[in-house]
PDB file of N, CA and C in Angstrom:
ATOM      1  N   MET A   1       0.467  51.555 145.769  1.00  0.00           N
ATOM      2  CA  MET A   1       1.668  51.888 146.490  1.00  0.00           C
ATOM      3  C   MET A   1       2.597  52.634 145.538  1.00  0.00           C
ATOM      4  N   ALA A   2       3.067  53.751 145.958  1.00  0.00           N
ATOM      5  CA  ALA A   2       3.955  54.573 145.136  1.00  0.00           C
ATOM      6  C   ALA A   2       5.391  54.064 145.230  1.00  0.00           C
ATOM      7  N   ALA A   3       6.195  54.497 144.270  1.00  0.00           N
ATOM      8  CA  ALA A   3       7.608  54.127 144.275  1.00  0.00           C
ATOM      9  C   ALA A   3       8.296  54.729 145.494  1.00  0.00           C
ATOM     10  N   VAL A   4       9.227  53.982 146.077  1.00  0.00           N
ATOM     11  CA  VAL A   4      10.002  54.498 147.197  1.00  0.00           C
ATOM     12  C   VAL A   4      10.861  55.663 146.728  1.00  0.00           C
ATOM     13  N   SER A   5      11.385  55.531 145.511  1.00  0.00           N
ATOM     14  CA  SER A   5      12.194  56.599 144.937  1.00  0.00           C
ATOM     15  C   SER A   5      12.058  56.544 143.428  1.00  0.00           C
ATOM     16  N   ASN A   6      12.006  57.696 142.800  1.00  0.00           N
ATOM     17  CA  ASN A   6      11.968  57.771 141.340  1.00  0.00           C
ATOM     18  C   ASN A   6      12.751  59.015 140.937  1.00  0.00           C
ATOM     19  N   ASP A   7      13.859  58.811 140.251  1.00  0.00           N
ATOM     20  CA  ASP A   7      14.687  59.949 139.861  1.00  0.00           C
ATOM     21  C   ASP A   7      14.157  60.658 138.620  1.00  0.00           C
ATOM     22  N   GLY A   8      13.031  60.197 138.089  1.00  0.00           N
ATOM     23  CA  GLY A   8      12.423  60.843 136.930  1.00  0.00           C
ATOM     24  C   GLY A   8      12.859  60.280 135.594  1.00  0.00           C
ATOM     25  N   SER A   9      13.791  59.326 135.615  1.00  0.00           N
ATOM     26  CA  SER A   9      14.293  58.793 134.345  1.00  0.00           C
ATOM     27  C   SER A   9      13.557  57.540 133.893  1.00  0.00           C
ATOM     28  N   VAL A  10      12.712  56.970 134.743  1.00  0.00           N
ATOM     29  CA  VAL A  10      12.004  55.737 134.399  1.00  0.00           C
ATOM     30  C   VAL A  10      10.500  56.016 134.396  1.00  0.00           C
ATOM     31  N   GLN A  11       9.873  55.838 133.249  1.00  0.00           N
ATOM     32  CA  GLN A  11       8.425  55.951 133.154  1.00  0.00           C
ATOM     33  C   GLN A  11       7.816  54.624 133.584  1.00  0.00           C
ATOM     34  N   TYR A  12       6.828  54.658 134.460  1.00  0.00           N
ATOM     35  CA  TYR A  12       6.238  53.407 134.931  1.00  0.00           C
ATOM     36  C   TYR A  12       4.794  53.629 135.310  1.00  0.00           C
ATOM     37  N   GLY A  13       4.079  52.532 135.509  1.00  0.00           N
ATOM     38  CA  GLY A  13       2.707  52.587 135.993  1.00  0.00           C
ATOM     39  C   GLY A  13       1.686  52.762 134.886  1.00  0.00           C
ATOM     40  N   SER A  14       0.441  52.755 135.281  1.00  0.00           N
ATOM     41  CA  SER A  14      -0.640  52.957 134.343  1.00  0.00           C
ATOM     42  C   SER A  14      -1.277  54.310 134.637  1.00  0.00           C
ATOM     43  N   ARG A  15      -2.451  54.579 134.107  1.00  0.00           N
ATOM     44  CA  ARG A  15      -3.114  55.857 134.325  1.00  0.00           C
ATOM     45  C   ARG A  15      -4.554  55.622 134.725  1.00  0.00           C
ATOM     46  N   THR A  16      -5.183  56.645 135.240  1.00  0.00           N
ATOM     47  CA  THR A  16      -6.610  56.551 135.544  1.00  0.00           C
ATOM     48  C   THR A  16      -7.369  57.407 134.543  1.00  0.00           C
ATOM     49  N   ILE A  17      -8.554  56.936 134.181  1.00  0.00           N
ATOM     50  CA  ILE A  17      -9.430  57.693 133.294  1.00  0.00           C
ATOM     51  C   ILE A  17     -10.828  57.720 133.904  1.00  0.00           C
ATOM     52  N   GLN A  18     -11.533  58.816 133.685  1.00  0.00           N
ATOM     53  CA  GLN A  18     -12.882  58.973 134.217  1.00  0.00           C
ATOM     54  C   GLN A  18     -13.866  58.859 133.060  1.00  0.00           C
ATOM     55  N   ILE A  19     -14.778  57.877 133.143  1.00  0.00           N
ATOM     56  CA  ILE A  19     -15.771  57.637 132.089  1.00  0.00           C
ATOM     57  C   ILE A  19     -17.149  57.590 132.738  1.00  0.00           C
ATOM     58  N   PRO A  20     -18.119  58.429 132.269  1.00  0.00           N
ATOM     59  CA  PRO A  20     -17.999  59.562 131.366  1.00  0.00           C
ATOM     60  C   PRO A  20     -17.120  60.672 131.962  1.00  0.00           C
ATOM     61  N   ALA A  21     -16.715  61.572 131.091  1.00  0.00           N
ATOM     62  CA  ALA A  21     -15.656  62.530 131.388  1.00  0.00           C
ATOM     63  C   ALA A  21     -15.836  63.310 132.689  1.00  0.00           C
ATOM     64  N   SER A  22     -16.986  63.879 132.935  1.00  0.00           N
ATOM     65  CA  SER A  22     -17.108  64.772 134.094  1.00  0.00           C
ATOM     66  C   SER A  22     -17.880  64.168 135.261  1.00  0.00           C
ATOM     67  N   THR A  23     -18.667  63.144 135.021  1.00  0.00           N
ATOM     68  CA  THR A  23     -19.538  62.622 136.076  1.00  0.00           C
ATOM     69  C   THR A  23     -19.346  61.136 136.348  1.00  0.00           C
ATOM     70  N   GLY A  24     -18.411  60.524 135.669  1.00  0.00           N
ATOM     71  CA  GLY A  24     -18.318  59.063 135.722  1.00  0.00           C
ATOM     72  C   GLY A  24     -17.416  58.519 136.799  1.00  0.00           C
ATOM     73  N   ASP A  25     -17.218  57.210 136.716  1.00  0.00           N
ATOM     74  CA  ASP A  25     -16.338  56.482 137.612  1.00  0.00           C
ATOM     75  C   ASP A  25     -14.904  56.595 137.121  1.00  0.00           C
ATOM     76  N   THR A  26     -13.978  56.505 138.046  1.00  0.00           N
ATOM     77  CA  THR A  26     -12.567  56.514 137.694  1.00  0.00           C
ATOM     78  C   THR A  26     -12.086  55.078 137.599  1.00  0.00           C
ATOM     79  N   PHE A  27     -11.518  54.731 136.456  1.00  0.00           N
ATOM     80  CA  PHE A  27     -11.008  53.393 136.202  1.00  0.00           C
ATOM     81  C   PHE A  27      -9.492  53.443 136.085  1.00  0.00           C
ATOM     82  N   VAL A  28      -8.822  52.388 136.527  1.00  0.00           N
ATOM     83  CA  VAL A  28      -7.394  52.235 136.280  1.00  0.00           C
ATOM     84  C   VAL A  28      -7.268  51.596 134.906  1.00  0.00           C
ATOM     85  N   ALA A  29      -6.545  52.252 134.002  1.00  0.00           N
ATOM     86  CA  ALA A  29      -6.388  51.771 132.627  1.00  0.00           C
ATOM     87  C   ALA A  29      -4.988  51.189 132.452  1.00  0.00           C
ATOM     88  N   ASP A  30      -4.934  49.920 132.095  1.00  0.00           N
ATOM     89  CA  ASP A  30      -3.676  49.224 131.827  1.00  0.00           C
ATOM     90  C   ASP A  30      -3.555  48.961 130.328  1.00  0.00           C
ATOM     91  N   ASN A  31      -2.344  48.714 129.891  1.00  0.00           N
ATOM     92  CA  ASN A  31      -2.094  48.314 128.496  1.00  0.00           C
ATOM     93  C   ASN A  31      -2.746  49.259 127.491  1.00  0.00           C
ATOM     94  N   VAL A  32      -2.628  50.542 127.745  1.00  0.00           N
ATOM     95  CA  VAL A  32      -3.219  51.557 126.858  1.00  0.00           C
ATOM     96  C   VAL A  32      -2.359  51.690 125.619  1.00  0.00           C
ATOM     97  N   GLU A  33      -3.008  51.680 124.454  1.00  0.00           N
ATOM     98  CA  GLU A  33      -2.288  51.888 123.205  1.00  0.00           C
ATOM     99  C   GLU A  33      -3.102  52.810 122.318  1.00  0.00           C
ATOM    100  N   VAL A  34      -2.505  53.946 121.953  1.00  0.00           N
ATOM    101  CA  VAL A  34      -3.138  54.906 121.070  1.00  0.00           C
ATOM    102  C   VAL A  34      -2.429  54.843 119.721  1.00  0.00           C
ATOM    103  N   THR A  35      -3.207  54.770 118.639  1.00  0.00           N
ATOM    104  CA  THR A  35      -2.636  54.671 117.299  1.00  0.00           C
ATOM    105  C   THR A  35      -2.923  55.946 116.527  1.00  0.00           C
ATOM    106  N   ARG A  36      -1.852  56.569 116.054  1.00  0.00           N
ATOM    107  CA  ARG A  36      -1.948  57.775 115.232  1.00  0.00           C
ATOM    108  C   ARG A  36      -1.332  57.451 113.872  1.00  0.00           C
ATOM    109  N   GLY A  37      -2.161  57.056 112.931  1.00  0.00           N
ATOM    110  CA  GLY A  37      -1.681  56.628 111.626  1.00  0.00           C
ATOM    111  C   GLY A  37      -1.916  57.658 110.542  1.00  0.00           C
ATOM    112  N   THR A  38      -1.712  57.216 109.317  1.00  0.00           N
ATOM    113  CA  THR A  38      -1.935  58.060 108.154  1.00  0.00           C
ATOM    114  C   THR A  38      -2.722  57.302 107.096  1.00  0.00           C
ATOM    115  N   ASN A  39      -3.341  58.055 106.203  1.00  0.00           N
ATOM    116  CA  ASN A  39      -3.952  57.523 104.981  1.00  0.00           C
ATOM    117  C   ASN A  39      -3.103  58.012 103.820  1.00  0.00           C
ATOM    118  N   VAL A  40      -2.812  57.129 102.891  1.00  0.00           N
ATOM    119  CA  VAL A  40      -1.983  57.482 101.746  1.00  0.00           C
ATOM    120  C   VAL A  40      -2.832  57.396 100.480  1.00  0.00           C
ATOM    121  N   ILE A  41      -2.808  58.476  99.704  1.00  0.00           N
ATOM    122  CA  ILE A  41      -3.455  58.505  98.391  1.00  0.00           C
ATOM    123  C   ILE A  41      -2.337  58.475  97.371  1.00  0.00           C
ATOM    124  N   GLU A  42      -2.322  57.420  96.556  1.00  0.00           N
ATOM    125  CA  GLU A  42      -1.255  57.257  95.572  1.00  0.00           C
ATOM    126  C   GLU A  42      -1.749  57.558  94.160  1.00  0.00           C
ATOM    127  N   GLN A  43      -0.865  58.167  93.383  1.00  0.00           N
ATOM    128  CA  GLN A  43      -1.183  58.466  91.991  1.00  0.00           C
ATOM    129  C   GLN A  43      -0.137  57.794  91.119  1.00  0.00           C
ATOM    130  N   THR A  44      -0.618  57.185  90.048  1.00  0.00           N
ATOM    131  CA  THR A  44       0.305  56.543  89.103  1.00  0.00           C
ATOM    132  C   THR A  44       0.079  57.105  87.703  1.00  0.00           C
ATOM    133  N   ASP A  45       1.078  56.902  86.856  1.00  0.00           N
ATOM    134  CA  ASP A  45       0.939  57.342  85.466  1.00  0.00           C
ATOM    135  C   ASP A  45       0.226  56.251  84.651  1.00  0.00           C
ATOM    136  N   GLN A  46       0.210  56.421  83.327  1.00  0.00           N
ATOM    137  CA  GLN A  46      -0.508  55.497  82.454  1.00  0.00           C
ATOM    138  C   GLN A  46       0.066  54.092  82.465  1.00  0.00           C
ATOM    139  N   LEU A  47       1.302  53.926  82.933  1.00  0.00           N
ATOM    140  CA  LEU A  47       1.923  52.607  83.003  1.00  0.00           C
ATOM    141  C   LEU A  47       1.855  51.997  84.406  1.00  0.00           C
ATOM    142  N   GLY A  48       1.296  52.728  85.327  1.00  0.00           N
ATOM    143  CA  GLY A  48       1.177  52.240  86.694  1.00  0.00           C
ATOM    144  C   GLY A  48       2.375  52.575  87.567  1.00  0.00           C
ATOM    145  N   GLU A  49       3.286  53.419  87.044  1.00  0.00           N
ATOM    146  CA  GLU A  49       4.441  53.808  87.837  1.00  0.00           C
ATOM    147  C   GLU A  49       4.064  54.973  88.749  1.00  0.00           C
ATOM    148  N   PRO A  50       4.645  55.013  89.941  1.00  0.00           N
ATOM    149  CA  PRO A  50       4.323  56.101  90.876  1.00  0.00           C
ATOM    150  C   PRO A  50       4.640  57.468  90.289  1.00  0.00           C
ATOM    151  N   SER A  51       3.686  58.412  90.459  1.00  0.00           N
ATOM    152  CA  SER A  51       3.913  59.772  89.994  1.00  0.00           C
ATOM    153  C   SER A  51       3.592  60.814  91.066  1.00  0.00           C
ATOM    154  N   GLY A  52       3.034  60.387  92.181  1.00  0.00           N
ATOM    155  CA  GLY A  52       2.748  61.320  93.254  1.00  0.00           C
ATOM    156  C   GLY A  52       2.004  60.652  94.387  1.00  0.00           C
ATOM    157  N   GLN A  53       1.972  61.335  95.497  1.00  0.00           N
ATOM    158  CA  GLN A  53       1.240  60.811  96.650  1.00  0.00           C
ATOM    159  C   GLN A  53       0.864  61.940  97.599  1.00  0.00           C
ATOM    160  N   VAL A  54      -0.148  61.675  98.392  1.00  0.00           N
ATOM    161  CA  VAL A  54      -0.569  62.573  99.450  1.00  0.00           C
ATOM    162  C   VAL A  54      -0.692  61.736 100.717  1.00  0.00           C
ATOM    163  N   ILE A  55      -0.128  62.218 101.806  1.00  0.00           N
ATOM    164  CA  ILE A  55      -0.232  61.521 103.084  1.00  0.00           C
ATOM    165  C   ILE A  55      -0.944  62.449 104.062  1.00  0.00           C
ATOM    166  N   VAL A  56      -2.076  61.973 104.596  1.00  0.00           N
ATOM    167  CA  VAL A  56      -2.863  62.763 105.536  1.00  0.00           C
ATOM    168  C   VAL A  56      -3.088  61.963 106.820  1.00  0.00           C
ATOM    169  N   ASP A  57      -3.412  62.662 107.876  1.00  0.00           N
ATOM    170  CA  ASP A  57      -3.702  61.998 109.144  1.00  0.00           C
ATOM    171  C   ASP A  57      -4.892  61.058 109.010  1.00  0.00           C
ATOM    172  N   ALA A  58      -4.801  59.920 109.674  1.00  0.00           N
ATOM    173  CA  ALA A  58      -5.939  58.995 109.784  1.00  0.00           C
ATOM    174  C   ALA A  58      -6.643  59.254 111.111  1.00  0.00           C
ATOM    175  N   PHE A  59      -7.732  58.572 111.338  1.00  0.00           N
ATOM    176  CA  PHE A  59      -8.440  58.688 112.599  1.00  0.00           C
ATOM    177  C   PHE A  59      -7.569  58.156 113.731  1.00  0.00           C
ATOM    178  N   VAL A  60      -7.615  58.819 114.865  1.00  0.00           N
ATOM    179  CA  VAL A  60      -6.877  58.379 116.056  1.00  0.00           C
ATOM    180  C   VAL A  60      -7.758  57.369 116.785  1.00  0.00           C
ATOM    181  N   THR A  61      -7.200  56.188 117.044  1.00  0.00           N
ATOM    182  CA  THR A  61      -7.939  55.132 117.732  1.00  0.00           C
ATOM    183  C   THR A  61      -7.093  54.590 118.874  1.00  0.00           C
ATOM    184  N   GLY A  62      -7.706  53.804 119.730  1.00  0.00           N
ATOM    185  CA  GLY A  62      -6.938  53.228 120.825  1.00  0.00           C
ATOM    186  C   GLY A  62      -7.655  52.078 121.494  1.00  0.00           C
ATOM    187  N   THR A  63      -6.906  51.396 122.349  1.00  0.00           N
ATOM    188  CA  THR A  63      -7.443  50.307 123.144  1.00  0.00           C
ATOM    189  C   THR A  63      -6.880  50.419 124.562  1.00  0.00           C
ATOM    190  N   ALA A  64      -7.576  49.823 125.507  1.00  0.00           N
ATOM    191  CA  ALA A  64      -7.107  49.786 126.884  1.00  0.00           C
ATOM    192  C   ALA A  64      -7.796  48.634 127.600  1.00  0.00           C
ATOM    193  N   GLN A  65      -7.191  48.208 128.661  1.00  0.00           N
ATOM    194  CA  GLN A  65      -7.795  47.224 129.550  1.00  0.00           C
ATOM    195  C   GLN A  65      -8.046  47.957 130.867  1.00  0.00           C
ATOM    196  N   ILE A  66      -9.309  48.041 131.270  1.00  0.00           N
ATOM    197  CA  ILE A  66      -9.609  48.813 132.479  1.00  0.00           C
ATOM    198  C   ILE A  66     -10.045  47.877 133.606  1.00  0.00           C
ATOM    199  N   GLN A  67      -9.594  48.217 134.804  1.00  0.00           N
ATOM    200  CA  GLN A  67      -9.926  47.435 135.979  1.00  0.00           C
ATOM    201  C   GLN A  67     -11.317  47.833 136.463  1.00  0.00           C
ATOM    202  N   MET A  68     -12.114  46.818 136.735  1.00  0.00           N
ATOM    203  CA  MET A  68     -13.464  47.065 137.235  1.00  0.00           C
ATOM    204  C   MET A  68     -13.397  47.391 138.720  1.00  0.00           C
ATOM    205  N   ILE A  69     -14.240  48.310 139.140  1.00  0.00           N
ATOM    206  CA  ILE A  69     -14.326  48.725 140.520  1.00  0.00           C
ATOM    207  C   ILE A  69     -15.533  47.993 141.140  1.00  0.00           C
ATOM    208  N   ALA A  70     -15.494  47.759 142.424  1.00  0.00           N
ATOM    209  CA  ALA A  70     -16.601  47.067 143.091  1.00  0.00           C
ATOM    210  C   ALA A  70     -17.935  47.709 142.740  1.00  0.00           C
ATOM    211  N   SER A  71     -18.893  46.903 142.349  1.00  0.00           N
ATOM    212  CA  SER A  71     -20.273  47.296 142.009  1.00  0.00           C
ATOM    213  C   SER A  71     -20.361  48.336 140.895  1.00  0.00           C
ATOM    214  N   THR A  72     -19.353  48.390 140.028  1.00  0.00           N
ATOM    215  CA  THR A  72     -19.387  49.329 138.906  1.00  0.00           C
ATOM    216  C   THR A  72     -19.517  48.558 137.599  1.00  0.00           C
ATOM    217  N   ASP A  73     -20.447  49.000 136.758  1.00  0.00           N
ATOM    218  CA  ASP A  73     -20.594  48.402 135.447  1.00  0.00           C
ATOM    219  C   ASP A  73     -19.509  48.919 134.528  1.00  0.00           C
ATOM    220  N   PRO A  74     -19.212  48.190 133.451  1.00  0.00           N
ATOM    221  CA  PRO A  74     -18.223  48.701 132.495  1.00  0.00           C
ATOM    222  C   PRO A  74     -18.781  49.950 131.795  1.00  0.00           C
ATOM    223  N   PRO A  75     -17.906  50.727 131.145  1.00  0.00           N
ATOM    224  CA  PRO A  75     -18.380  51.893 130.399  1.00  0.00           C
ATOM    225  C   PRO A  75     -19.377  51.475 129.314  1.00  0.00           C
ATOM    226  N   LEU A  76     -20.239  52.383 128.949  1.00  0.00           N
ATOM    227  CA  LEU A  76     -21.215  52.131 127.886  1.00  0.00           C
ATOM    228  C   LEU A  76     -20.696  52.637 126.547  1.00  0.00           C
ATOM    229  N   LEU A  77     -21.142  52.032 125.482  1.00  0.00           N
ATOM    230  CA  LEU A  77     -20.797  52.519 124.145  1.00  0.00           C
ATOM    231  C   LEU A  77     -21.225  53.974 124.014  1.00  0.00           C
ATOM    232  N   GLY A  78     -20.369  54.792 123.446  1.00  0.00           N
ATOM    233  CA  GLY A  78     -20.694  56.186 123.219  1.00  0.00           C
ATOM    234  C   GLY A  78     -20.295  57.116 124.352  1.00  0.00           C
ATOM    235  N   GLU A  79     -19.930  56.567 125.523  1.00  0.00           N
ATOM    236  CA  GLU A  79     -19.495  57.438 126.600  1.00  0.00           C
ATOM    237  C   GLU A  79     -18.135  58.040 126.242  1.00  0.00           C
ATOM    238  N   GLU A  80     -17.870  59.222 126.773  1.00  0.00           N
ATOM    239  CA  GLU A  80     -16.656  59.956 126.424  1.00  0.00           C
ATOM    240  C   GLU A  80     -15.735  60.129 127.621  1.00  0.00           C
ATOM    241  N   PHE A  81     -14.454  60.275 127.337  1.00  0.00           N
ATOM    242  CA  PHE A  81     -13.486  60.634 128.362  1.00  0.00           C
ATOM    243  C   PHE A  81     -12.434  61.533 127.751  1.00  0.00           C
ATOM    244  N   ALA A  82     -11.815  62.360 128.583  1.00  0.00           N
ATOM    245  CA  ALA A  82     -10.768  63.269 128.134  1.00  0.00           C
ATOM    246  C   ALA A  82      -9.443  62.813 128.741  1.00  0.00           C
ATOM    247  N   GLU A  83      -8.389  62.860 127.950  1.00  0.00           N
ATOM    248  CA  GLU A  83      -7.087  62.417 128.418  1.00  0.00           C
ATOM    249  C   GLU A  83      -5.987  63.087 127.606  1.00  0.00           C
ATOM    250  N   THR A  84      -4.847  63.310 128.240  1.00  0.00           N
ATOM    251  CA  THR A  84      -3.672  63.814 127.540  1.00  0.00           C
ATOM    252  C   THR A  84      -2.691  62.674 127.404  1.00  0.00           C
ATOM    253  N   PHE A  85      -2.519  62.175 126.193  1.00  0.00           N
ATOM    254  CA  PHE A  85      -1.563  61.109 125.925  1.00  0.00           C
ATOM    255  C   PHE A  85      -0.228  61.667 125.446  1.00  0.00           C
ATOM    256  N   VAL A  86      -0.275  62.810 124.739  1.00  0.00           N
ATOM    257  CA  VAL A  86       0.927  63.477 124.240  1.00  0.00           C
ATOM    258  C   VAL A  86       0.878  64.930 124.721  1.00  0.00           C
ATOM    259  N   THR A  87       1.853  65.321 125.513  1.00  0.00           N
ATOM    260  CA  THR A  87       1.844  66.651 126.118  1.00  0.00           C
ATOM    261  C   THR A  87       1.746  67.759 125.078  1.00  0.00           C
ATOM    262  N   SER A  88       2.481  67.631 123.966  1.00  0.00           N
ATOM    263  CA  SER A  88       2.475  68.685 122.958  1.00  0.00           C
ATOM    264  C   SER A  88       1.133  68.797 122.233  1.00  0.00           C
ATOM    265  N   ILE A  89       0.325  67.740 122.237  1.00  0.00           N
ATOM    266  CA  ILE A  89      -1.010  67.783 121.628  1.00  0.00           C
ATOM    267  C   ILE A  89      -2.023  68.321 122.633  1.00  0.00           C
ATOM    268  N   GLY A  90      -1.878  67.959 123.889  1.00  0.00           N
ATOM    269  CA  GLY A  90      -2.807  68.398 124.932  1.00  0.00           C
ATOM    270  C   GLY A  90      -3.961  67.440 125.114  1.00  0.00           C
ATOM    271  N   SER A  91      -4.942  67.879 125.857  1.00  0.00           N
ATOM    272  CA  SER A  91      -6.103  67.038 126.164  1.00  0.00           C
ATOM    273  C   SER A  91      -6.933  66.776 124.911  1.00  0.00           C
ATOM    274  N   GLU A  92      -7.340  65.539 124.769  1.00  0.00           N
ATOM    275  CA  GLU A  92      -8.203  65.132 123.656  1.00  0.00           C
ATOM    276  C   GLU A  92      -9.404  64.392 124.239  1.00  0.00           C
ATOM    277  N   THR A  93     -10.531  64.444 123.541  1.00  0.00           N
ATOM    278  CA  THR A  93     -11.725  63.721 123.958  1.00  0.00           C
ATOM    279  C   THR A  93     -11.867  62.475 123.100  1.00  0.00           C
ATOM    280  N   PHE A  94     -12.176  61.353 123.764  1.00  0.00           N
ATOM    281  CA  PHE A  94     -12.319  60.061 123.084  1.00  0.00           C
ATOM    282  C   PHE A  94     -13.687  59.475 123.369  1.00  0.00           C
ATOM    283  N   ILE A  95     -14.194  58.685 122.425  1.00  0.00           N
ATOM    284  CA  ILE A  95     -15.509  58.046 122.520  1.00  0.00           C
ATOM    285  C   ILE A  95     -15.295  56.540 122.618  1.00  0.00           C
ATOM    286  N   VAL A  96     -15.931  55.899 123.608  1.00  0.00           N
ATOM    287  CA  VAL A  96     -15.843  54.442 123.743  1.00  0.00           C
ATOM    288  C   VAL A  96     -16.595  53.806 122.578  1.00  0.00           C
ATOM    289  N   SER A  97     -15.890  52.992 121.776  1.00  0.00           N
ATOM    290  CA  SER A  97     -16.490  52.398 120.577  1.00  0.00           C
ATOM    291  C   SER A  97     -16.701  50.891 120.673  1.00  0.00           C
ATOM    292  N   GLU A  98     -16.035  50.215 121.597  1.00  0.00           N
ATOM    293  CA  GLU A  98     -16.229  48.778 121.824  1.00  0.00           C
ATOM    294  C   GLU A  98     -16.004  48.485 123.300  1.00  0.00           C
ATOM    295  N   VAL A  99     -16.778  47.563 123.834  1.00  0.00           N
ATOM    296  CA  VAL A  99     -16.628  47.161 125.235  1.00  0.00           C
ATOM    297  C   VAL A  99     -16.710  45.645 125.295  1.00  0.00           C
ATOM    298  N   GLY A 100     -15.740  45.020 125.953  1.00  0.00           N
ATOM    299  CA  GLY A 100     -15.770  43.576 126.147  1.00  0.00           C
ATOM    300  C   GLY A 100     -16.636  43.216 127.346  1.00  0.00           C
ATOM    301  N   GLN A 101     -16.834  41.934 127.535  1.00  0.00           N
ATOM    302  CA  GLN A 101     -17.610  41.450 128.680  1.00  0.00           C
ATOM    303  C   GLN A 101     -16.657  40.836 129.690  1.00  0.00           C
ATOM    304  N   PRO A 102     -16.467  41.480 130.844  1.00  0.00           N
ATOM    305  CA  PRO A 102     -15.477  40.994 131.795  1.00  0.00           C
ATOM    306  C   PRO A 102     -15.934  39.778 132.588  1.00  0.00           C
ATOM    307  N   GLU A 103     -15.193  38.708 132.511  1.00  0.00           N
ATOM    308  CA  GLU A 103     -15.397  37.535 133.345  1.00  0.00           C
ATOM    309  C   GLU A 103     -14.027  36.952 133.612  1.00  0.00           C
ATOM    310  N   THR A 104     -13.736  36.611 134.858  1.00  0.00           N
ATOM    311  CA  THR A 104     -12.431  36.070 135.185  1.00  0.00           C
ATOM    312  C   THR A 104     -12.526  35.146 136.387  1.00  0.00           C
ATOM    313  N   LYS A 105     -11.508  34.356 136.578  1.00  0.00           N
ATOM    314  CA  LYS A 105     -11.399  33.489 137.744  1.00  0.00           C
ATOM    315  C   LYS A 105     -10.072  33.764 138.420  1.00  0.00           C
ATOM    316  N   ASP A 106     -10.092  33.884 139.728  1.00  0.00           N
ATOM    317  CA  ASP A 106      -8.862  34.044 140.511  1.00  0.00           C
ATOM    318  C   ASP A 106      -8.057  35.277 140.135  1.00  0.00           C
ATOM    319  N   GLY A 107      -8.704  36.374 139.894  1.00  0.00           N
ATOM    320  CA  GLY A 107      -7.969  37.587 139.579  1.00  0.00           C
ATOM    321  C   GLY A 107      -8.873  38.802 139.592  1.00  0.00           C
ATOM    322  N   GLU A 108      -8.277  39.962 139.426  1.00  0.00           N
ATOM    323  CA  GLU A 108      -9.086  41.164 139.372  1.00  0.00           C
ATOM    324  C   GLU A 108      -9.889  41.164 138.077  1.00  0.00           C
ATOM    325  N   LYS A 109     -11.035  41.800 138.118  1.00  0.00           N
ATOM    326  CA  LYS A 109     -11.923  41.841 136.964  1.00  0.00           C
ATOM    327  C   LYS A 109     -11.539  43.003 136.073  1.00  0.00           C
ATOM    328  N   LYS A 110     -11.286  42.714 134.805  1.00  0.00           N
ATOM    329  CA  LYS A 110     -10.899  43.734 133.846  1.00  0.00           C
ATOM    330  C   LYS A 110     -11.744  43.596 132.585  1.00  0.00           C
ATOM    331  N   VAL A 111     -11.863  44.691 131.849  1.00  0.00           N
ATOM    332  CA  VAL A 111     -12.617  44.684 130.599  1.00  0.00           C
ATOM    333  C   VAL A 111     -11.791  45.423 129.547  1.00  0.00           C
ATOM    334  N   ASN A 112     -11.802  44.898 128.329  1.00  0.00           N
ATOM    335  CA  ASN A 112     -11.107  45.544 127.217  1.00  0.00           C
ATOM    336  C   ASN A 112     -12.059  46.529 126.548  1.00  0.00           C
ATOM    337  N   ILE A 113     -11.539  47.737 126.268  1.00  0.00           N
ATOM    338  CA  ILE A 113     -12.323  48.731 125.539  1.00  0.00           C
ATOM    339  C   ILE A 113     -11.521  49.222 124.335  1.00  0.00           C
ATOM    340  N   SER A 114     -12.236  49.701 123.342  1.00  0.00           N
ATOM    341  CA  SER A 114     -11.648  50.411 122.201  1.00  0.00           C
ATOM    342  C   SER A 114     -12.243  51.817 122.213  1.00  0.00           C
ATOM    343  N   PHE A 115     -11.481  52.774 121.701  1.00  0.00           N
ATOM    344  CA  PHE A 115     -11.980  54.150 121.671  1.00  0.00           C
ATOM    345  C   PHE A 115     -11.462  54.866 120.446  1.00  0.00           C
ATOM    346  N   ARG A 116     -12.157  55.940 120.084  1.00  0.00           N
ATOM    347  CA  ARG A 116     -11.826  56.764 118.915  1.00  0.00           C
ATOM    348  C   ARG A 116     -11.856  58.236 119.318  1.00  0.00           C
ATOM    349  N   LYS A 117     -10.969  59.006 118.730  1.00  0.00           N
ATOM    350  CA  LYS A 117     -10.932  60.439 119.035  1.00  0.00           C
ATOM    351  C   LYS A 117     -12.193  61.123 118.533  1.00  0.00           C
ATOM    352  N   LYS A 118     -12.706  62.070 119.332  1.00  0.00           N
ATOM    353  CA  LYS A 118     -13.847  62.873 118.940  1.00  0.00           C
ATOM    354  C   LYS A 118     -13.324  64.114 118.228  1.00  0.00           C
ATOM    355  N   TYR A 119     -13.834  64.401 117.040  1.00  0.00           N
ATOM    356  CA  TYR A 119     -13.324  65.531 116.242  1.00  0.00           C
ATOM    357  C   TYR A 119     -14.243  66.735 116.275  1.00  0.00           C
ATOM    358  N   ASN A 120     -15.519  66.571 116.510  1.00  0.00           N
ATOM    359  CA  ASN A 120     -16.454  67.702 116.514  1.00  0.00           C
ATOM    360  C   ASN A 120     -17.161  67.794 117.838  1.00  0.00           C
TER     361      ASN A 120
END
């Protein structure tokens, strides 16, 4: 059900993702979190005092909880999906790297997945 009214100032809801990217099932993804970190290389002098550093991008990783659809299996390890999480970055391709085993009582069936950005 869509919002009765949205003036554009409140971000809400979850997103859908298609796994695998072009031929797969569409899942509703809740609690999506993408991590864009850094790796730090530190240099010290002969006494161990800081003398320099380099900060470079780390691998982009993420997690999500996806709702299972009737008669649909969870995504498989290695399957890919494309999504735009940051408009200025644009569409990125991600690889499913971990899949939980969904079992629940008295609720919708969901599975936790982890994913990593595809670089090549």
